[in-house]
Every structure is written in structure tokens, then in C-alpha cells.
Amino acid sequence: RPTEEPRALPGAAAAAQAGVQFSNTKELGRLLYTEYLF
């Protein structure tokens, strides 16, 4: 029972607009080695 609209990932929204296939594994790797590296 979500109280608000689910927010899409930035990478997924950009990929949907550009018509490129989105990869969850690639996005997880990018987040792990950039924002969550420490």
C-alpha cells in the first residue's frame, strides 16, 4: 500500500527517454564504485 508514487531511478528515466536498454547490474556497479565506494 504505497503512500506516494514510486520514484524511478535517474538512470532508468534517462534510458527510457533515450530509448536505450537499461541494465540494473550496470547501474548497481556504477553506484557501488562511485557513491558507495567507502
PDB file of all heavy atoms in Angstrom:
ATOM      1  N   ARG A   1       0.853  -1.192   0.000  1.00  0.00           N
ATOM      2  CA  ARG A   1       0.000   0.000   0.000  1.00  0.00           C
ATOM      3  C   ARG A   1       0.889   1.242   0.000  1.00  0.00           C
ATOM      4  O   ARG A   1       1.121   1.862   1.042  1.00  0.00           O
ATOM      5  CB  ARG A   1      -0.900   0.007   1.233  1.00  0.00           C
ATOM      6  CG  ARG A   1      -1.931  -1.099   1.251  1.00  0.00           C
ATOM      7  CD  ARG A   1      -2.957  -0.879   2.329  1.00  0.00           C
ATOM      8  NE  ARG A   1      -2.345  -0.830   3.645  1.00  0.00           N
ATOM      9  CZ  ARG A   1      -2.201  -1.873   4.444  1.00  0.00           C
ATOM     10  NH1 ARG A   1      -2.638  -3.047   4.054  1.00  0.00           N
ATOM     11  NH2 ARG A   1      -1.641  -1.743   5.624  1.00  0.00           N
ATOM     12  N   PRO A   2       1.443   1.598  -1.124  1.00  0.00           N
ATOM     13  CA  PRO A   2       2.332   2.763  -1.163  1.00  0.00           C
ATOM     14  C   PRO A   2       1.552   4.049  -0.944  1.00  0.00           C
ATOM     15  O   PRO A   2       0.445   4.234  -1.447  1.00  0.00           O
ATOM     16  CB  PRO A   2       2.932   2.709  -2.576  1.00  0.00           C
ATOM     17  CG  PRO A   2       1.924   1.947  -3.374  1.00  0.00           C
ATOM     18  CD  PRO A   2       1.294   0.961  -2.434  1.00  0.00           C
ATOM     19  N   THR A   3       2.168   4.955  -0.175  1.00  0.00           N
ATOM     20  CA  THR A   3       1.525   6.224   0.130  1.00  0.00           C
ATOM     21  C   THR A   3       1.831   7.287  -0.914  1.00  0.00           C
ATOM     22  O   THR A   3       1.144   8.297  -0.986  1.00  0.00           O
ATOM     23  CB  THR A   3       1.979   6.723   1.514  1.00  0.00           C
ATOM     24  OG1 THR A   3       3.409   6.815   1.530  1.00  0.00           O
ATOM     25  CG2 THR A   3       1.530   5.752   2.594  1.00  0.00           C
ATOM     26  N   GLU A   4       2.880   7.095  -1.681  1.00  0.00           N
ATOM     27  CA  GLU A   4       3.236   8.070  -2.695  1.00  0.00           C
ATOM     28  C   GLU A   4       3.653   7.334  -3.956  1.00  0.00           C
ATOM     29  O   GLU A   4       3.888   6.122  -3.950  1.00  0.00           O
ATOM     30  CB  GLU A   4       4.367   8.974  -2.208  1.00  0.00           C
ATOM     31  CG  GLU A   4       5.638   8.210  -1.833  1.00  0.00           C
ATOM     32  CD  GLU A   4       6.709   9.143  -1.298  1.00  0.00           C
ATOM     33  OE1 GLU A   4       6.418  10.343  -1.139  1.00  0.00           O
ATOM     34  OE2 GLU A   4       7.824   8.650  -1.062  1.00  0.00           O
ATOM     35  N   GLU A   5       3.764   8.055  -5.010  1.00  0.00           N
ATOM     36  CA  GLU A   5       4.138   7.457  -6.280  1.00  0.00           C
ATOM     37  C   GLU A   5       5.586   6.994  -6.239  1.00  0.00           C
ATOM     38  O   GLU A   5       6.463   7.698  -5.715  1.00  0.00           O
ATOM     39  CB  GLU A   5       3.972   8.481  -7.403  1.00  0.00           C
ATOM     40  CG  GLU A   5       2.530   8.827  -7.691  1.00  0.00           C
ATOM     41  CD  GLU A   5       1.753   7.628  -8.211  1.00  0.00           C
ATOM     42  OE1 GLU A   5       2.374   6.789  -8.881  1.00  0.00           O
ATOM     43  OE2 GLU A   5       0.533   7.546  -7.963  1.00  0.00           O
ATOM     44  N   PRO A   6       5.878   5.795  -6.728  1.00  0.00           N
ATOM     45  CA  PRO A   6       7.266   5.330  -6.728  1.00  0.00           C
ATOM     46  C   PRO A   6       8.125   6.183  -7.639  1.00  0.00           C
ATOM     47  O   PRO A   6       7.708   6.557  -8.739  1.00  0.00           O
ATOM     48  CB  PRO A   6       7.164   3.877  -7.239  1.00  0.00           C
ATOM     49  CG  PRO A   6       5.882   3.837  -8.004  1.00  0.00           C
ATOM     50  CD  PRO A   6       4.947   4.798  -7.328  1.00  0.00           C
ATOM     51  N   ARG A   7       9.318   6.477  -7.157  1.00  0.00           N
ATOM     52  CA  ARG A   7      10.243   7.303  -7.915  1.00  0.00           C
ATOM     53  C   ARG A   7      11.189   6.417  -8.705  1.00  0.00           C
ATOM     54  O   ARG A   7      11.818   5.523  -8.157  1.00  0.00           O
ATOM     55  CB  ARG A   7      11.033   8.206  -6.977  1.00  0.00           C
ATOM     56  CG  ARG A   7      11.940   9.206  -7.686  1.00  0.00           C
ATOM     57  CD  ARG A   7      12.655  10.081  -6.671  1.00  0.00           C
ATOM     58  NE  ARG A   7      13.485   9.275  -5.794  1.00  0.00           N
ATOM     59  CZ  ARG A   7      14.224   9.782  -4.798  1.00  0.00           C
ATOM     60  NH1 ARG A   7      14.196  11.084  -4.570  1.00  0.00           N
ATOM     61  NH2 ARG A   7      14.938   8.987  -4.046  1.00  0.00           N
ATOM     62  N   ALA A   8      11.275   6.637  -9.983  1.00  0.00           N
ATOM     63  CA  ALA A   8      12.140   5.827 -10.840  1.00  0.00           C
ATOM     64  C   ALA A   8      13.589   6.260 -10.668  1.00  0.00           C
ATOM     65  O   ALA A   8      13.891   7.386 -10.253  1.00  0.00           O
ATOM     66  CB  ALA A   8      11.720   5.985 -12.298  1.00  0.00           C
ATOM     67  N   LEU A   9      14.495   5.351 -10.964  1.00  0.00           N
ATOM     68  CA  LEU A   9      15.915   5.665 -10.899  1.00  0.00           C
ATOM     69  C   LEU A   9      16.280   6.668 -11.976  1.00  0.00           C
ATOM     70  O   LEU A   9      15.685   6.681 -13.062  1.00  0.00           O
ATOM     71  CB  LEU A   9      16.737   4.383 -11.079  1.00  0.00           C
ATOM     72  CG  LEU A   9      16.642   3.350  -9.951  1.00  0.00           C
ATOM     73  CD1 LEU A   9      17.407   2.104 -10.337  1.00  0.00           C
ATOM     74  CD2 LEU A   9      17.158   3.914  -8.646  1.00  0.00           C
ATOM     75  N   PRO A  10      17.257   7.547 -11.693  1.00  0.00           N
ATOM     76  CA  PRO A  10      17.657   8.515 -12.720  1.00  0.00           C
ATOM     77  C   PRO A  10      18.172   7.849 -13.983  1.00  0.00           C
ATOM     78  O   PRO A  10      17.881   8.277 -15.097  1.00  0.00           O
ATOM     79  CB  PRO A  10      18.747   9.329 -12.012  1.00  0.00           C
ATOM     80  CG  PRO A  10      18.491   9.135 -10.558  1.00  0.00           C
ATOM     81  CD  PRO A  10      17.923   7.764 -10.422  1.00  0.00           C
ATOM     82  N   GLY A  11      18.947   6.792 -13.802  1.00  0.00           N
ATOM     83  CA  GLY A  11      19.462   6.093 -14.969  1.00  0.00           C
ATOM     84  C   GLY A  11      18.367   5.451 -15.785  1.00  0.00           C
ATOM     85  O   GLY A  11      18.396   5.449 -17.023  1.00  0.00           O
ATOM     86  N   ALA A  12      17.355   4.908 -15.115  1.00  0.00           N
ATOM     87  CA  ALA A  12      16.250   4.266 -15.828  1.00  0.00           C
ATOM     88  C   ALA A  12      15.426   5.286 -16.589  1.00  0.00           C
ATOM     89  O   ALA A  12      14.988   5.050 -17.718  1.00  0.00           O
ATOM     90  CB  ALA A  12      15.370   3.508 -14.830  1.00  0.00           C
ATOM     91  N   ALA A  13      15.188   6.486 -15.967  1.00  0.00           N
ATOM     92  CA  ALA A  13      14.411   7.518 -16.661  1.00  0.00           C
ATOM     93  C   ALA A  13      15.152   8.043 -17.882  1.00  0.00           C
ATOM     94  O   ALA A  13      14.568   8.228 -18.956  1.00  0.00           O
ATOM     95  CB  ALA A  13      14.117   8.668 -15.688  1.00  0.00           C
ATOM     96  N   ALA A  14      16.463   8.272 -17.719  1.00  0.00           N
ATOM     97  CA  ALA A  14      17.246   8.756 -18.854  1.00  0.00           C
ATOM     98  C   ALA A  14      17.311   7.728 -19.967  1.00  0.00           C
ATOM     99  O   ALA A  14      17.234   8.059 -21.158  1.00  0.00           O
ATOM    100  CB  ALA A  14      18.651   9.130 -18.389  1.00  0.00           C
ATOM    101  N   ALA A  15      17.437   6.455 -19.588  1.00  0.00           N
ATOM    102  CA  ALA A  15      17.494   5.408 -20.599  1.00  0.00           C
ATOM    103  C   ALA A  15      16.159   5.256 -21.318  1.00  0.00           C
ATOM    104  O   ALA A  15      16.106   4.993 -22.524  1.00  0.00           O
ATOM    105  CB  ALA A  15      17.901   4.089 -19.953  1.00  0.00           C
ATOM    106  N   ALA A  16      15.059   5.444 -20.577  1.00  0.00           N
ATOM    107  CA  ALA A  16      13.746   5.339 -21.218  1.00  0.00           C
ATOM    108  C   ALA A  16      13.517   6.480 -22.200  1.00  0.00           C
ATOM    109  O   ALA A  16      12.923   6.300 -23.264  1.00  0.00           O
ATOM    110  CB  ALA A  16      12.654   5.321 -20.150  1.00  0.00           C
ATOM    111  N   GLN A  17      13.991   7.692 -21.830  1.00  0.00           N
ATOM    112  CA  GLN A  17      13.830   8.821 -22.729  1.00  0.00           C
ATOM    113  C   GLN A  17      14.690   8.676 -23.983  1.00  0.00           C
ATOM    114  O   GLN A  17      14.286   9.064 -25.072  1.00  0.00           O
ATOM    115  CB  GLN A  17      14.159  10.124 -22.001  1.00  0.00           C
ATOM    116  CG  GLN A  17      13.179  10.471 -20.891  1.00  0.00           C
ATOM    117  CD  GLN A  17      13.575  11.731 -20.156  1.00  0.00           C
ATOM    118  OE1 GLN A  17      14.587  12.352 -20.488  1.00  0.00           O
ATOM    119  NE2 GLN A  17      12.779  12.108 -19.153  1.00  0.00           N
ATOM    120  N   ALA A  18      15.905   8.133 -23.806  1.00  0.00           N
ATOM    121  CA  ALA A  18      16.800   7.985 -24.955  1.00  0.00           C
ATOM    122  C   ALA A  18      16.507   6.741 -25.773  1.00  0.00           C
ATOM    123  O   ALA A  18      17.086   6.561 -26.837  1.00  0.00           O
ATOM    124  CB  ALA A  18      18.247   7.959 -24.480  1.00  0.00           C
ATOM    125  N   GLY A  19      15.673   5.869 -25.263  1.00  0.00           N
ATOM    126  CA  GLY A  19      15.359   4.650 -25.989  1.00  0.00           C
ATOM    127  C   GLY A  19      16.443   3.601 -25.895  1.00  0.00           C
ATOM    128  O   GLY A  19      16.531   2.720 -26.743  1.00  0.00           O
ATOM    129  N   VAL A  20      17.266   3.668 -24.841  1.00  0.00           N
ATOM    130  CA  VAL A  20      18.355   2.712 -24.646  1.00  0.00           C
ATOM    131  C   VAL A  20      17.931   1.696 -23.604  1.00  0.00           C
ATOM    132  O   VAL A  20      17.235   2.028 -22.633  1.00  0.00           O
ATOM    133  CB  VAL A  20      19.646   3.440 -24.216  1.00  0.00           C
ATOM    134  CG1 VAL A  20      20.793   2.454 -24.065  1.00  0.00           C
ATOM    135  CG2 VAL A  20      19.999   4.531 -25.218  1.00  0.00           C
ATOM    136  N   GLN A  21      18.353   0.462 -23.780  1.00  0.00           N
ATOM    137  CA  GLN A  21      18.013  -0.584 -22.830  1.00  0.00           C
ATOM    138  C   GLN A  21      18.747  -0.352 -21.512  1.00  0.00           C
ATOM    139  O   GLN A  21      19.959  -0.152 -21.487  1.00  0.00           O
ATOM    140  CB  GLN A  21      18.382  -1.951 -23.397  1.00  0.00           C
ATOM    141  CG  GLN A  21      17.915  -3.111 -22.517  1.00  0.00           C
ATOM    142  CD  GLN A  21      18.233  -4.441 -23.149  1.00  0.00           C
ATOM    143  OE1 GLN A  21      18.854  -4.497 -24.197  1.00  0.00           O
ATOM    144  NE2 GLN A  21      17.812  -5.518 -22.506  1.00  0.00           N
ATOM    145  N   PHE A  22      18.004  -0.383 -20.415  1.00  0.00           N
ATOM    146  CA  PHE A  22      18.557  -0.108 -19.082  1.00  0.00           C
ATOM    147  C   PHE A  22      19.032  -1.408 -18.452  1.00  0.00           C
ATOM    148  O   PHE A  22      18.374  -2.438 -18.556  1.00  0.00           O
ATOM    149  CB  PHE A  22      17.494   0.563 -18.206  1.00  0.00           C
ATOM    150  CG  PHE A  22      17.970   0.857 -16.812  1.00  0.00           C
ATOM    151  CD1 PHE A  22      18.845   1.894 -16.576  1.00  0.00           C
ATOM    152  CD2 PHE A  22      17.535   0.082 -15.756  1.00  0.00           C
ATOM    153  CE1 PHE A  22      19.271   2.172 -15.296  1.00  0.00           C
ATOM    154  CE2 PHE A  22      17.957   0.349 -14.477  1.00  0.00           C
ATOM    155  CZ  PHE A  22      18.829   1.402 -14.248  1.00  0.00           C
ATOM    156  N   SER A  23      20.176  -1.353 -17.762  1.00  0.00           N
ATOM    157  CA  SER A  23      20.756  -2.528 -17.108  1.00  0.00           C
ATOM    158  C   SER A  23      20.859  -2.268 -15.609  1.00  0.00           C
ATOM    159  O   SER A  23      21.511  -1.303 -15.181  1.00  0.00           O
ATOM    160  CB  SER A  23      22.144  -2.831 -17.678  1.00  0.00           C
ATOM    161  OG  SER A  23      22.749  -3.893 -16.974  1.00  0.00           O
ATOM    162  N   ASN A  24      20.185  -3.107 -14.819  1.00  0.00           N
ATOM    163  CA  ASN A  24      20.262  -2.967 -13.369  1.00  0.00           C
ATOM    164  C   ASN A  24      21.659  -3.254 -12.846  1.00  0.00           C
ATOM    165  O   ASN A  24      22.146  -2.590 -11.924  1.00  0.00           O
ATOM    166  CB  ASN A  24      19.260  -3.913 -12.708  1.00  0.00           C
ATOM    167  CG  ASN A  24      17.832  -3.491 -12.949  1.00  0.00           C
ATOM    168  OD1 ASN A  24      17.539  -2.305 -13.018  1.00  0.00           O
ATOM    169  ND2 ASN A  24      16.943  -4.466 -13.084  1.00  0.00           N
ATOM    170  N   THR A  25      22.321  -4.243 -13.418  1.00  0.00           N
ATOM    171  CA  THR A  25      23.659  -4.605 -12.960  1.00  0.00           C
ATOM    172  C   THR A  25      24.655  -3.471 -13.198  1.00  0.00           C
ATOM    173  O   THR A  25      25.486  -3.153 -12.335  1.00  0.00           O
ATOM    174  CB  THR A  25      24.129  -5.876 -13.679  1.00  0.00           C
ATOM    175  OG1 THR A  25      23.162  -6.911 -13.514  1.00  0.00           O
ATOM    176  CG2 THR A  25      25.454  -6.346 -13.124  1.00  0.00           C
ATOM    177  N   LYS A  26      24.553  -2.843 -14.354  1.00  0.00           N
ATOM    178  CA  LYS A  26      25.444  -1.722 -14.658  1.00  0.00           C
ATOM    179  C   LYS A  26      25.188  -0.547 -13.724  1.00  0.00           C
ATOM    180  O   LYS A  26      26.125   0.115 -13.246  1.00  0.00           O
ATOM    181  CB  LYS A  26      25.249  -1.292 -16.115  1.00  0.00           C
ATOM    182  CG  LYS A  26      26.181  -0.187 -16.561  1.00  0.00           C
ATOM    183  CD  LYS A  26      25.956   0.151 -18.026  1.00  0.00           C
ATOM    184  CE  LYS A  26      26.881   1.279 -18.472  1.00  0.00           C
ATOM    185  NZ  LYS A  26      26.679   1.609 -19.907  1.00  0.00           N
ATOM    186  N   GLU A  27      23.916  -0.286 -13.435  1.00  0.00           N
ATOM    187  CA  GLU A  27      23.582   0.821 -12.535  1.00  0.00           C
ATOM    188  C   GLU A  27      24.043   0.531 -11.106  1.00  0.00           C
ATOM    189  O   GLU A  27      24.540   1.431 -10.404  1.00  0.00           O
ATOM    190  CB  GLU A  27      22.075   1.060 -12.566  1.00  0.00           C
ATOM    191  CG  GLU A  27      21.606   2.286 -11.818  1.00  0.00           C
ATOM    192  CD  GLU A  27      22.069   3.562 -12.473  1.00  0.00           C
ATOM    193  OE1 GLU A  27      22.417   3.534 -13.669  1.00  0.00           O
ATOM    194  OE2 GLU A  27      22.090   4.608 -11.783  1.00  0.00           O
ATOM    195  N   LEU A  28      23.902  -0.713 -10.654  1.00  0.00           N
ATOM    196  CA  LEU A  28      24.387  -1.079  -9.323  1.00  0.00           C
ATOM    197  C   LEU A  28      25.904  -0.951  -9.232  1.00  0.00           C
ATOM    198  O   LEU A  28      26.441  -0.475  -8.230  1.00  0.00           O
ATOM    199  CB  LEU A  28      23.957  -2.512  -8.991  1.00  0.00           C
ATOM    200  CG  LEU A  28      22.495  -2.716  -8.633  1.00  0.00           C
ATOM    201  CD1 LEU A  28      22.192  -4.204  -8.496  1.00  0.00           C
ATOM    202  CD2 LEU A  28      22.155  -2.010  -7.329  1.00  0.00           C
ATOM    203  N   GLY A  29      26.604  -1.381 -10.269  1.00  0.00           N
ATOM    204  CA  GLY A  29      28.055  -1.230 -10.283  1.00  0.00           C
ATOM    205  C   GLY A  29      28.486   0.221 -10.271  1.00  0.00           C
ATOM    206  O   GLY A  29      29.451   0.595  -9.583  1.00  0.00           O
ATOM    207  N   ARG A  30      27.763   1.062 -10.988  1.00  0.00           N
ATOM    208  CA  ARG A  30      28.106   2.486 -11.000  1.00  0.00           C
ATOM    209  C   ARG A  30      27.893   3.109  -9.622  1.00  0.00           C
ATOM    210  O   ARG A  30      28.717   3.895  -9.144  1.00  0.00           O
ATOM    211  CB  ARG A  30      27.253   3.217 -12.034  1.00  0.00           C
ATOM    212  CG  ARG A  30      27.632   4.674 -12.251  1.00  0.00           C
ATOM    213  CD  ARG A  30      26.626   5.369 -13.132  1.00  0.00           C
ATOM    214  NE  ARG A  30      25.324   5.446 -12.492  1.00  0.00           N
ATOM    215  CZ  ARG A  30      25.010   6.379 -11.573  1.00  0.00           C
ATOM    216  NH1 ARG A  30      25.906   7.267 -11.203  1.00  0.00           N
ATOM    217  NH2 ARG A  30      23.809   6.374 -11.037  1.00  0.00           N
ATOM    218  N   LEU A  31      26.786   2.743  -8.949  1.00  0.00           N
ATOM    219  CA  LEU A  31      26.527   3.286  -7.620  1.00  0.00           C
ATOM    220  C   LEU A  31      27.526   2.774  -6.586  1.00  0.00           C
ATOM    221  O   LEU A  31      27.964   3.506  -5.699  1.00  0.00           O
ATOM    222  CB  LEU A  31      25.099   2.940  -7.185  1.00  0.00           C
ATOM    223  CG  LEU A  31      23.967   3.650  -7.925  1.00  0.00           C
ATOM    224  CD1 LEU A  31      22.624   3.127  -7.470  1.00  0.00           C
ATOM    225  CD2 LEU A  31      24.050   5.149  -7.719  1.00  0.00           C
ATOM    226  N   LEU A  32      27.887   1.471  -6.690  1.00  0.00           N
ATOM    227  CA  LEU A  32      28.812   0.907  -5.709  1.00  0.00           C
ATOM    228  C   LEU A  32      30.188   1.546  -5.788  1.00  0.00           C
ATOM    229  O   LEU A  32      30.819   1.807  -4.752  1.00  0.00           O
ATOM    230  CB  LEU A  32      28.926  -0.612  -5.922  1.00  0.00           C
ATOM    231  CG  LEU A  32      27.769  -1.468  -5.404  1.00  0.00           C
ATOM    232  CD1 LEU A  32      28.004  -2.927  -5.746  1.00  0.00           C
ATOM    233  CD2 LEU A  32      27.604  -1.312  -3.905  1.00  0.00           C
ATOM    234  N   TYR A  33      30.654   1.794  -6.998  1.00  0.00           N
ATOM    235  CA  TYR A  33      32.019   2.297  -7.159  1.00  0.00           C
ATOM    236  C   TYR A  33      32.096   3.816  -7.294  1.00  0.00           C
ATOM    237  O   TYR A  33      33.167   4.344  -7.611  1.00  0.00           O
ATOM    238  CB  TYR A  33      32.667   1.643  -8.373  1.00  0.00           C
ATOM    239  CG  TYR A  33      32.956   0.178  -8.140  1.00  0.00           C
ATOM    240  CD1 TYR A  33      32.103  -0.794  -8.658  1.00  0.00           C
ATOM    241  CD2 TYR A  33      34.052  -0.226  -7.385  1.00  0.00           C
ATOM    242  CE1 TYR A  33      32.349  -2.136  -8.431  1.00  0.00           C
ATOM    243  CE2 TYR A  33      34.297  -1.563  -7.157  1.00  0.00           C
ATOM    244  CZ  TYR A  33      33.446  -2.512  -7.684  1.00  0.00           C
ATOM    245  OH  TYR A  33      33.684  -3.841  -7.455  1.00  0.00           O
ATOM    246  N   THR A  34      30.979   4.510  -7.067  1.00  0.00           N
ATOM    247  CA  THR A  34      31.019   5.980  -7.067  1.00  0.00           C
ATOM    248  C   THR A  34      30.493   6.522  -5.737  1.00  0.00           C
ATOM    249  O   THR A  34      31.263   7.066  -4.936  1.00  0.00           O
ATOM    250  CB  THR A  34      30.188   6.534  -8.234  1.00  0.00           C
ATOM    251  OG1 THR A  34      28.868   5.969  -8.187  1.00  0.00           O
ATOM    252  CG2 THR A  34      30.832   6.199  -9.565  1.00  0.00           C
ATOM    253  N   GLU A  35      29.200   6.359  -5.471  1.00  0.00           N
ATOM    254  CA  GLU A  35      28.616   6.926  -4.260  1.00  0.00           C
ATOM    255  C   GLU A  35      28.866   6.077  -3.020  1.00  0.00           C
ATOM    256  O   GLU A  35      28.967   6.615  -1.915  1.00  0.00           O
ATOM    257  CB  GLU A  35      27.110   7.119  -4.461  1.00  0.00           C
ATOM    258  CG  GLU A  35      26.746   8.069  -5.590  1.00  0.00           C
ATOM    259  CD  GLU A  35      25.253   8.247  -5.725  1.00  0.00           C
ATOM    260  OE1 GLU A  35      24.528   7.817  -4.791  1.00  0.00           O
ATOM    261  OE2 GLU A  35      24.802   8.821  -6.739  1.00  0.00           O
ATOM    262  N   TYR A  36      28.941   4.767  -3.186  1.00  0.00           N
ATOM    263  CA  TYR A  36      29.094   3.867  -2.029  1.00  0.00           C
ATOM    264  C   TYR A  36      30.450   3.174  -2.039  1.00  0.00           C
ATOM    265  O   TYR A  36      30.576   2.028  -1.593  1.00  0.00           O
ATOM    266  CB  TYR A  36      27.979   2.812  -2.032  1.00  0.00           C
ATOM    267  CG  TYR A  36      26.600   3.394  -1.931  1.00  0.00           C
ATOM    268  CD1 TYR A  36      25.827   3.577  -3.080  1.00  0.00           C
ATOM    269  CD2 TYR A  36      26.069   3.789  -0.708  1.00  0.00           C
ATOM    270  CE1 TYR A  36      24.561   4.122  -3.001  1.00  0.00           C
ATOM    271  CE2 TYR A  36      24.806   4.327  -0.618  1.00  0.00           C
ATOM    272  CZ  TYR A  36      24.051   4.497  -1.769  1.00  0.00           C
ATOM    273  OH  TYR A  36      22.792   5.030  -1.685  1.00  0.00           O
ATOM    274  N   LEU A  37      31.473   3.853  -2.518  1.00  0.00           N
ATOM    275  CA  LEU A  37      32.797   3.245  -2.588  1.00  0.00           C
ATOM    276  C   LEU A  37      33.397   3.047  -1.201  1.00  0.00           C
ATOM    277  O   LEU A  37      33.976   1.988  -0.908  1.00  0.00           O
ATOM    278  CB  LEU A  37      33.730   4.104  -3.446  1.00  0.00           C
ATOM    279  CG  LEU A  37      35.155   3.570  -3.625  1.00  0.00           C
ATOM    280  CD1 LEU A  37      35.121   2.200  -4.284  1.00  0.00           C
ATOM    281  CD2 LEU A  37      35.992   4.534  -4.449  1.00  0.00           C
ATOM    282  N   PHE A  38      33.273   4.041  -0.336  1.00  0.00           N
ATOM    283  CA  PHE A  38      33.836   3.923   1.009  1.00  0.00           C
ATOM    284  C   PHE A  38      33.164   2.810   1.829  1.00  0.00           C
ATOM    285  O   PHE A  38      33.858   1.995   2.448  1.00  0.00           O
ATOM    286  CB  PHE A  38      33.745   5.270   1.740  1.00  0.00           C
ATOM    287  CG  PHE A  38      34.335   5.244   3.122  1.00  0.00           C
ATOM    288  CD1 PHE A  38      35.709   5.158   3.314  1.00  0.00           C
ATOM    289  CD2 PHE A  38      33.513   5.296   4.244  1.00  0.00           C
ATOM    290  CE1 PHE A  38      36.250   5.131   4.586  1.00  0.00           C
ATOM    291  CE2 PHE A  38      34.045   5.265   5.512  1.00  0.00           C
ATOM    292  CZ  PHE A  38      35.426   5.183   5.689  1.00  0.00           C
TER     293      PHE A  38
END
